[in-house]
C-alpha atoms as a PDB file:
ATOM      1  CA  MET A   1     -92.801 -42.000 -79.116  1.00  0.00           C
ATOM      2  CA  LYS A   2     -94.544 -44.059 -81.315  1.00  0.00           C
ATOM      3  CA  TYR A   3     -98.370 -43.551 -82.485  1.00  0.00           C
ATOM      4  CA  ASN A   4    -101.426 -45.168 -82.232  1.00  0.00           C
ATOM      5  CA  TYR A   5    -103.250 -45.494 -86.038  1.00  0.00           C
ATOM      6  CA  GLU A   6    -106.037 -45.608 -87.894  1.00  0.00           C
ATOM      7  CA  ILE A   7    -106.591 -47.006 -91.238  1.00  0.00           C
ATOM      8  CA  SER A   8    -109.731 -45.860 -93.354  1.00  0.00           C
ATOM      9  CA  ARG A   9    -112.143 -48.339 -95.596  1.00  0.00           C
ATOM     10  CA  GLN A  10    -111.014 -47.083 -98.077  1.00  0.00           C
ATOM     11  CA  LEU A  11    -107.502 -47.978 -97.560  1.00  0.00           C
ATOM     12  CA  GLU A  12    -108.708 -51.295 -96.226  1.00  0.00           C
ATOM     13  CA  ARG A  13    -110.189 -52.244 -99.242  1.00  0.00           C
ATOM     14  CA  GLU A  14    -107.175 -51.342-101.119  1.00  0.00           C
ATOM     15  CA  LEU A  15    -104.717 -53.596 -98.796  1.00  0.00           C
ATOM     16  CA  ASP A  16    -107.099 -56.745 -99.166  1.00  0.00           C
ATOM     17  CA  LYS A  17    -106.709 -56.908-102.627  1.00  0.00           C
ATOM     18  CA  LEU A  18    -103.200 -55.960-102.685  1.00  0.00           C
ATOM     19  CA  ARG A  19    -102.455 -58.916 -99.804  1.00  0.00           C
ATOM     20  CA  ARG A  20    -104.209 -61.479-102.137  1.00  0.00           C
ATOM     21  CA  LYS A  21    -102.676 -59.697-105.459  1.00  0.00           C
ATOM     22  CA  ASN A  22     -99.697 -58.203-104.980  1.00  0.00           C
ATOM     23  CA  LYS A  23     -98.299 -59.737-101.527  1.00  0.00           C
ATOM     24  CA  LYS A  24     -94.554 -58.380-101.726  1.00  0.00           C
ATOM     25  CA  GLN A  25     -96.067 -54.459-102.438  1.00  0.00           C
ATOM     26  CA  PHE A  26     -98.483 -55.690 -99.437  1.00  0.00           C
ATOM     27  CA  GLU A  27     -95.544 -55.799 -97.226  1.00  0.00           C
ATOM     28  CA  ILE A  28     -93.567 -52.687 -98.771  1.00  0.00           C
ATOM     29  CA  ILE A  29     -97.043 -50.621 -97.552  1.00  0.00           C
ATOM     30  CA  LEU A  30     -96.919 -52.277 -93.791  1.00  0.00           C
ATOM     31  CA  LYS A  31     -93.312 -51.930 -93.339  1.00  0.00           C
ATOM     32  CA  LYS A  32     -93.272 -48.137 -94.819  1.00  0.00           C
ATOM     33  CA  MET A  33     -96.918 -47.375 -92.021  1.00  0.00           C
ATOM     34  CA  SER A  34     -94.953 -49.073 -89.338  1.00  0.00           C
ATOM     35  CA  GLU A  35     -91.836 -46.540 -89.646  1.00  0.00           C
ATOM     36  CA  ILE A  36     -94.503 -43.676 -90.176  1.00  0.00           C
ATOM     37  CA  LEU A  37     -95.712 -44.476 -86.815  1.00  0.00           C
ATOM     38  CA  GLU A  38     -91.844 -44.044 -85.472  1.00  0.00           C
ATOM     39  CA  ASN A  39     -91.934 -40.143 -86.989  1.00  0.00           C
ATOM     40  CA  PRO A  40     -94.343 -39.407 -89.346  1.00  0.00           C
ATOM     41  CA  GLN A  41     -93.660 -35.166 -89.284  1.00  0.00           C
ATOM     42  CA  HIS A  42     -90.466 -36.277 -91.270  1.00  0.00           C
ATOM     43  CA  TYR A  43     -92.898 -36.821 -94.073  1.00  0.00           C
ATOM     44  CA  LYS A  44     -92.990 -34.433 -97.251  1.00  0.00           C
ATOM     45  CA  SER A  45     -96.775 -32.267 -96.157  1.00  0.00           C
ATOM     46  CA  LEU A  46     -99.238 -31.523 -98.432  1.00  0.00           C
ATOM     47  CA  GLN A  47    -100.545 -28.505-100.390  1.00  0.00           C
ATOM     48  CA  HIS A  48    -103.917 -26.529-101.761  1.00  0.00           C
ATOM     49  CA  ASP A  49    -107.175 -29.091-101.221  1.00  0.00           C
ATOM     50  CA  MET A  50    -104.586 -31.847 -99.433  1.00  0.00           C
ATOM     51  CA  LYS A  51    -103.350 -29.409 -97.067  1.00  0.00           C
ATOM     52  CA  GLY A  52    -103.323 -31.401 -93.259  1.00  0.00           C
ATOM     53  CA  LEU A  53    -102.134 -34.878 -95.159  1.00  0.00           C
ATOM     54  CA  ARG A  54     -98.718 -36.106 -95.525  1.00  0.00           C
ATOM     55  CA  ARG A  55     -97.382 -38.673 -97.830  1.00  0.00           C
ATOM     56  CA  VAL A  56     -94.462 -40.745 -98.682  1.00  0.00           C
ATOM     57  CA  HIS A  57     -93.976 -42.372-101.890  1.00  0.00           C
ATOM     58  CA  ILE A  58     -93.651 -46.137-102.339  1.00  0.00           C
ATOM     59  CA  ASP A  59     -92.375 -47.704-105.453  1.00  0.00           C
ATOM     60  CA  LYS A  60     -91.830 -44.336-107.363  1.00  0.00           C
ATOM     61  CA  SER A  61     -94.955 -44.363-108.730  1.00  0.00           C
ATOM     62  CA  PHE A  62     -97.115 -45.412-105.442  1.00  0.00           C
ATOM     63  CA  VAL A  63     -98.285 -42.511-102.968  1.00  0.00           C
ATOM     64  CA  LEU A  64     -99.503 -43.509 -99.206  1.00  0.00           C
ATOM     65  CA  VAL A  65    -101.320 -40.534 -98.195  1.00  0.00           C
ATOM     66  CA  PHE A  66    -101.583 -40.245 -94.318  1.00  0.00           C
ATOM     67  CA  GLU A  67    -103.200 -37.106 -91.427  1.00  0.00           C
ATOM     68  CA  ILE A  68    -101.363 -36.792 -88.085  1.00  0.00           C
ATOM     69  CA  VAL A  69    -103.999 -36.532 -85.068  1.00  0.00           C
ATOM     70  CA  GLU A  70    -101.682 -34.437 -82.842  1.00  0.00           C
ATOM     71  CA  ASN A  71    -104.330 -34.103 -79.646  1.00  0.00           C
ATOM     72  CA  GLU A  72    -104.877 -37.975 -79.985  1.00  0.00           C
ATOM     73  CA  ASN A  73    -101.112 -39.234 -80.706  1.00  0.00           C
ATOM     74  CA  LYS A  74    -102.774 -40.650 -84.127  1.00  0.00           C
ATOM     75  CA  VAL A  75    -102.260 -41.158 -87.544  1.00  0.00           C
ATOM     76  CA  VAL A  76    -104.742 -41.982 -90.111  1.00  0.00           C
ATOM     77  CA  PHE A  77    -103.836 -43.992 -93.213  1.00  0.00           C
ATOM     78  CA  LEU A  78    -106.221 -42.382 -95.508  1.00  0.00           C
ATOM     79  CA  ASP A  79    -105.059 -43.819 -99.160  1.00  0.00           C
ATOM     80  CA  PHE A  80    -102.619 -45.135-101.397  1.00  0.00           C
ATOM     81  CA  ASP A  81    -102.767 -45.056-105.409  1.00  0.00           C
ATOM     82  CA  HIS A  82    -101.001 -43.964-108.413  1.00  0.00           C
ATOM     83  CA  HIS A  83     -99.342 -41.168-108.283  1.00  0.00           C
ATOM     84  CA  ASP A  84    -101.407 -40.086-110.687  1.00  0.00           C
ATOM     85  CA  ASN A  85    -104.556 -40.779-109.208  1.00  0.00           C
ATOM     86  CA  ILE A  86    -103.910 -39.307-105.672  1.00  0.00           C
ATOM     87  CA  TYR A  87    -103.444 -35.913-106.608  1.00  0.00           C
END
């Protein structure tokens, strides 16, 4: 079952910048978001202060962070940044 989704304001700003500056990476992120919506539990759960969130690596050095809201059948995409800035 495909999940609905929501995108945080912070991530919307990041995606808007990428759409203008790095179209290729922007398209990779959109494709990965679509894959996540098909099976969000497949991706790694985070721990400690990021408990309850999940992540997927994009282009080795970047991370897309999201949260699954099961009772609403929804994925909330929260942030995309360099690995060093996320953790």
